[in-house]
N, C-alpha and C. Protein backbone atom coordinates (compact mmCIF):
# COMPACT_ATOMS: atom_id res chain seq x y z
N MET A 1 153.00 106.03 116.38
CA MET A 1 154.31 105.39 116.77
C MET A 1 154.01 103.54 117.22
N LYS A 2 155.18 103.21 116.58
CA LYS A 2 154.80 101.62 116.50
C LYS A 2 155.48 100.76 117.57
N ASP A 3 154.89 99.73 118.72
CA ASP A 3 155.80 99.27 119.47
C ASP A 3 156.59 98.31 119.01
N LEU A 4 157.77 98.15 119.51
CA LEU A 4 158.69 97.03 119.23
C LEU A 4 158.26 95.55 120.05
N ASP A 5 158.72 94.76 119.30
CA ASP A 5 158.82 93.46 119.86
C ASP A 5 160.10 92.99 120.67
N ILE A 6 160.47 93.36 121.39
CA ILE A 6 161.81 93.32 121.99
C ILE A 6 161.73 92.18 122.75
N LYS A 7 162.76 90.97 122.43
CA LYS A 7 162.86 89.94 123.22
C LYS A 7 164.11 89.94 123.80
N TYR A 8 164.40 89.01 124.82
CA TYR A 8 165.41 89.20 125.68
C TYR A 8 166.55 88.75 125.09
N PRO A 9 167.44 89.36 124.81
CA PRO A 9 169.13 88.75 124.75
C PRO A 9 169.01 87.21 124.71
N ARG A 10 169.91 86.40 123.99
CA ARG A 10 169.91 85.35 124.30
C ARG A 10 171.58 85.01 124.30
N ILE A 11 172.19 84.63 125.40
CA ILE A 11 173.48 84.50 125.58
C ILE A 11 173.70 83.00 125.41
N GLU A 12 174.55 82.43 124.53
CA GLU A 12 174.79 81.03 124.53
C GLU A 12 176.27 81.16 124.32
N LYS A 13 177.18 79.69 124.56
CA LYS A 13 178.46 79.61 124.71
C LYS A 13 179.23 80.18 123.33
N ASP A 14 178.53 80.22 122.18
CA ASP A 14 179.63 80.82 121.07
C ASP A 14 178.64 82.00 120.60
N TYR A 15 177.53 82.39 120.69
CA TYR A 15 177.15 83.38 120.41
C TYR A 15 176.24 84.37 120.92
N VAL A 16 176.18 85.77 120.67
CA VAL A 16 174.88 86.17 121.37
C VAL A 16 173.90 86.71 120.38
N GLU A 17 172.43 86.68 120.74
CA GLU A 17 171.67 87.25 119.57
C GLU A 17 170.75 87.97 120.68
N CYS A 18 170.46 89.22 119.88
CA CYS A 18 170.16 90.29 120.41
C CYS A 18 169.05 91.23 119.48
N THR A 19 168.68 92.24 120.12
CA THR A 19 167.47 93.16 119.26
C THR A 19 168.12 94.10 119.01
N ILE A 20 167.90 95.26 118.04
CA ILE A 20 168.49 96.44 117.57
C ILE A 20 167.26 97.36 118.19
N ILE A 21 167.44 98.04 119.04
CA ILE A 21 166.38 98.82 120.10
C ILE A 21 166.46 100.11 119.59
N TYR A 22 167.72 100.77 118.78
CA TYR A 22 167.64 102.04 118.28
C TYR A 22 168.81 102.02 117.15
N ILE A 23 168.61 102.93 116.29
CA ILE A 23 169.58 103.44 115.44
C ILE A 23 169.87 104.79 115.17
N ASP A 24 170.75 105.94 115.65
CA ASP A 24 170.91 106.87 115.90
C ASP A 24 171.18 107.60 114.49
N ASN A 25 170.93 108.96 114.83
CA ASN A 25 171.11 109.67 113.10
C ASN A 25 172.42 109.50 112.75
N PHE A 26 173.79 108.70 113.17
CA PHE A 26 174.86 108.66 112.42
C PHE A 26 174.85 107.04 111.96
N GLY A 27 173.76 106.49 112.11
CA GLY A 27 173.89 104.95 111.72
C GLY A 27 174.36 103.89 112.80
N ASN A 28 174.54 104.59 113.90
CA ASN A 28 175.09 103.49 115.00
C ASN A 28 174.07 102.40 115.61
N ILE A 29 174.29 101.24 115.49
CA ILE A 29 173.39 100.19 116.23
C ILE A 29 173.21 100.11 117.27
N ILE A 30 172.15 100.15 118.13
CA ILE A 30 172.27 100.21 119.80
C ILE A 30 171.20 98.58 119.90
N THR A 31 172.02 98.12 120.99
CA THR A 31 171.31 96.75 120.93
C THR A 31 170.50 96.85 122.43
N ASN A 32 169.93 95.78 122.50
CA ASN A 32 169.42 95.55 123.96
C ASN A 32 170.15 94.65 125.09
N ILE A 33 171.65 94.34 124.78
CA ILE A 33 172.79 93.83 125.46
C ILE A 33 173.17 94.73 126.37
N ARG A 34 173.41 94.18 127.65
CA ARG A 34 174.23 95.14 128.79
C ARG A 34 175.61 93.98 129.02
N ASP A 35 176.39 94.54 129.52
CA ASP A 35 177.52 93.56 130.14
C ASP A 35 177.98 92.64 129.56
N VAL A 36 178.38 92.39 128.54
CA VAL A 36 179.22 91.35 127.95
C VAL A 36 180.31 91.84 127.76
N LYS A 37 181.26 90.93 128.29
CA LYS A 37 182.76 91.15 127.93
C LYS A 37 183.42 90.04 126.91
N PHE A 38 184.09 90.94 125.83
CA PHE A 38 184.78 90.12 124.97
C PHE A 38 185.77 91.31 124.23
N ASN A 39 186.92 90.52 123.75
CA ASN A 39 187.70 91.30 122.93
C ASN A 39 187.06 91.83 121.61
N LYS A 40 186.50 90.85 120.84
CA LYS A 40 186.12 91.22 119.52
C LYS A 40 184.88 89.81 118.98
N ILE A 41 184.30 90.17 118.05
CA ILE A 41 183.22 89.80 117.61
C ILE A 41 183.55 88.87 116.22
N ILE A 42 182.99 88.58 115.67
CA ILE A 42 182.18 88.08 114.01
C ILE A 42 180.80 88.55 113.76
N PHE A 43 180.49 89.40 113.19
CA PHE A 43 179.16 89.97 112.77
C PHE A 43 179.32 89.91 111.39
N MET A 44 178.16 89.07 110.99
CA MET A 44 178.22 89.09 109.50
C MET A 44 179.59 89.26 108.65
N ASP A 45 179.92 88.26 108.84
CA ASP A 45 181.39 87.61 108.25
C ASP A 45 182.58 88.69 108.36
N LYS A 46 182.28 89.65 109.61
CA LYS A 46 183.31 90.88 109.62
C LYS A 46 183.91 90.91 111.13
N GLU A 47 185.12 90.56 111.49
CA GLU A 47 185.66 90.97 112.93
C GLU A 47 185.78 92.23 113.11
N ILE A 48 185.33 92.51 114.51
CA ILE A 48 184.91 93.38 114.93
C ILE A 48 185.32 93.75 116.23
N LYS A 49 186.72 94.69 116.43
CA LYS A 49 187.19 94.48 117.90
C LYS A 49 186.15 95.43 119.08
N PHE A 50 186.31 95.20 120.16
CA PHE A 50 185.49 95.79 121.02
C PHE A 50 186.72 96.90 121.73
N LEU A 51 186.42 98.22 121.46
CA LEU A 51 187.08 99.30 121.86
C LEU A 51 186.59 100.29 122.68
N LYS A 52 186.74 100.99 123.27
CA LYS A 52 186.18 102.21 124.09
C LYS A 52 185.67 103.54 123.52
N THR A 53 186.54 104.00 122.42
CA THR A 53 185.83 105.27 122.09
C THR A 53 186.18 105.23 120.31
N TYR A 54 185.13 105.85 119.48
CA TYR A 54 185.40 105.89 118.35
C TYR A 54 186.67 106.00 117.43
N SER A 55 187.64 106.72 118.48
CA SER A 55 188.83 107.20 117.89
C SER A 55 190.03 106.21 117.49
N GLU A 56 189.48 105.26 118.06
CA GLU A 56 190.43 104.44 118.32
C GLU A 56 190.76 103.30 116.86
N SER A 57 189.65 103.52 116.28
CA SER A 57 189.33 102.64 115.10
C SER A 57 188.86 103.40 113.90
N GLU A 58 189.40 103.04 112.66
CA GLU A 58 189.38 103.79 111.22
C GLU A 58 188.05 102.94 110.75
N ASP A 59 187.69 101.82 111.47
CA ASP A 59 186.65 100.96 110.62
C ASP A 59 185.35 100.58 111.57
N PHE A 60 185.17 99.37 111.66
CA PHE A 60 183.80 99.29 112.41
C PHE A 60 184.54 98.58 114.08
N LEU A 61 183.51 98.85 115.19
CA LEU A 61 183.84 98.69 116.25
C LEU A 61 182.70 98.56 117.26
N VAL A 62 183.09 97.73 118.23
CA VAL A 62 181.95 97.40 119.44
C VAL A 62 182.21 98.28 120.45
N LEU A 63 181.27 99.05 121.26
CA LEU A 63 181.39 99.05 122.36
C LEU A 63 180.30 99.45 123.19
N ILE A 64 180.32 99.73 124.46
CA ILE A 64 179.16 100.25 125.57
C ILE A 64 179.19 101.58 125.56
N GLY A 65 177.51 101.86 124.86
CA GLY A 65 177.76 103.59 124.77
C GLY A 65 177.12 104.01 126.08
N SER A 66 176.73 105.00 125.85
CA SER A 66 176.43 106.32 127.38
C SER A 66 175.27 105.69 127.78
N HIS A 67 174.53 104.60 127.45
CA HIS A 67 173.29 104.26 128.25
C HIS A 67 173.57 102.81 128.32
N GLY A 68 174.67 102.59 128.37
CA GLY A 68 174.94 101.27 129.12
C GLY A 68 174.54 100.04 128.08
N PHE A 69 174.40 100.24 126.93
CA PHE A 69 174.27 99.09 125.85
C PHE A 69 175.31 98.89 125.02
N LEU A 70 175.24 97.76 124.51
CA LEU A 70 176.35 97.40 123.08
C LEU A 70 175.83 98.00 121.93
N GLU A 71 177.07 98.94 121.60
CA GLU A 71 176.57 99.62 120.33
C GLU A 71 177.71 98.87 119.17
N ILE A 72 176.97 98.69 117.95
CA ILE A 72 178.04 98.19 116.83
C ILE A 72 178.11 99.68 116.05
N VAL A 73 179.23 100.35 116.07
CA VAL A 73 179.15 101.66 115.28
C VAL A 73 180.61 101.58 114.35
N ALA A 74 180.83 102.76 113.67
CA ALA A 74 181.79 102.75 112.81
C ALA A 74 182.19 104.17 112.55
N ASN A 75 183.68 104.54 112.71
CA ASN A 75 184.12 105.82 112.67
C ASN A 75 184.10 106.49 111.23
N LYS A 76 183.23 107.49 111.26
CA LYS A 76 182.78 108.27 109.72
C LYS A 76 182.01 107.38 108.96
N LYS A 77 181.52 106.49 109.23
CA LYS A 77 180.23 105.55 108.39
C LYS A 77 179.17 105.04 109.22
N ASN A 78 178.38 104.69 108.57
CA ASN A 78 177.04 104.65 108.96
C ASN A 78 176.92 102.89 108.93
N ALA A 79 177.04 102.56 110.17
CA ALA A 79 176.80 100.93 110.19
C ALA A 79 175.61 100.72 109.83
N ALA A 80 174.56 101.08 110.17
CA ALA A 80 173.05 100.44 109.80
C ALA A 80 173.17 100.19 108.38
N GLU A 81 173.18 101.38 107.58
CA GLU A 81 173.37 101.28 106.18
C GLU A 81 174.17 100.10 105.71
N PHE A 82 175.27 100.38 105.80
CA PHE A 82 176.37 99.09 105.71
C PHE A 82 175.75 97.99 105.69
N PHE A 83 175.52 97.18 107.11
CA PHE A 83 174.66 96.04 107.13
C PHE A 83 173.34 95.76 106.81
N ASN A 84 173.03 96.95 106.26
CA ASN A 84 171.37 96.87 105.84
C ASN A 84 170.37 96.39 107.32
N LEU A 85 170.51 97.27 108.09
CA LEU A 85 169.62 96.40 109.48
C LEU A 85 168.68 98.02 109.84
N LYS A 86 167.94 97.65 110.65
CA LYS A 86 166.82 98.73 111.08
C LYS A 86 166.07 98.05 112.47
N THR A 87 165.98 98.97 113.03
CA THR A 87 165.51 99.07 114.48
C THR A 87 164.23 97.88 114.25
N GLY A 88 164.66 97.01 115.41
CA GLY A 88 163.76 95.90 115.69
C GLY A 88 164.03 94.49 114.90
N ASP A 89 165.21 94.44 114.27
CA ASP A 89 165.91 93.51 113.76
C ASP A 89 166.32 92.82 114.77
N ARG A 90 166.30 91.39 114.49
CA ARG A 90 167.24 90.33 115.47
C ARG A 90 168.57 90.18 115.12
N ILE A 91 169.47 90.07 115.77
CA ILE A 91 170.98 89.74 115.18
C ILE A 91 171.67 89.21 115.95
N ARG A 92 172.79 88.10 115.65
CA ARG A 92 173.28 87.53 116.18
C ARG A 92 174.74 87.39 115.68
N PHE A 93 175.73 87.88 116.99
CA PHE A 93 177.37 87.81 116.42
C PHE A 93 177.95 86.79 117.75
N TYR A 94 179.13 86.31 116.73
CA TYR A 94 179.87 85.27 117.47
C TYR A 94 181.22 85.88 118.17
N TYR A 95 181.47 85.14 119.20
CA TYR A 95 182.56 85.34 119.81
C TYR A 95 183.70 85.29 118.75
N ALA A 96 184.65 86.02 118.61
CA ALA A 96 186.01 85.53 118.02
C ALA A 96 187.06 85.27 118.87
């Protein structure tokens, strides 16, 4: 088993930079961000809304998962494959 070099999230005025700590079997991207408040983000040129459940969107959405971490997910899609991301990747998203 390989240890991850997980850096602390970097929260700036216009963006957040974080680490992907896990990708589940559905391709949902779990980050090391907690307690971030916003309505939507820009991630890899895609505007993604903050919603509470998967069923609220047919596309990608951002939500706080059951463990309290911010997740980038998709209803009936694999977000990790779509964005070509893996555990340990450092990602940045912008406030929309």
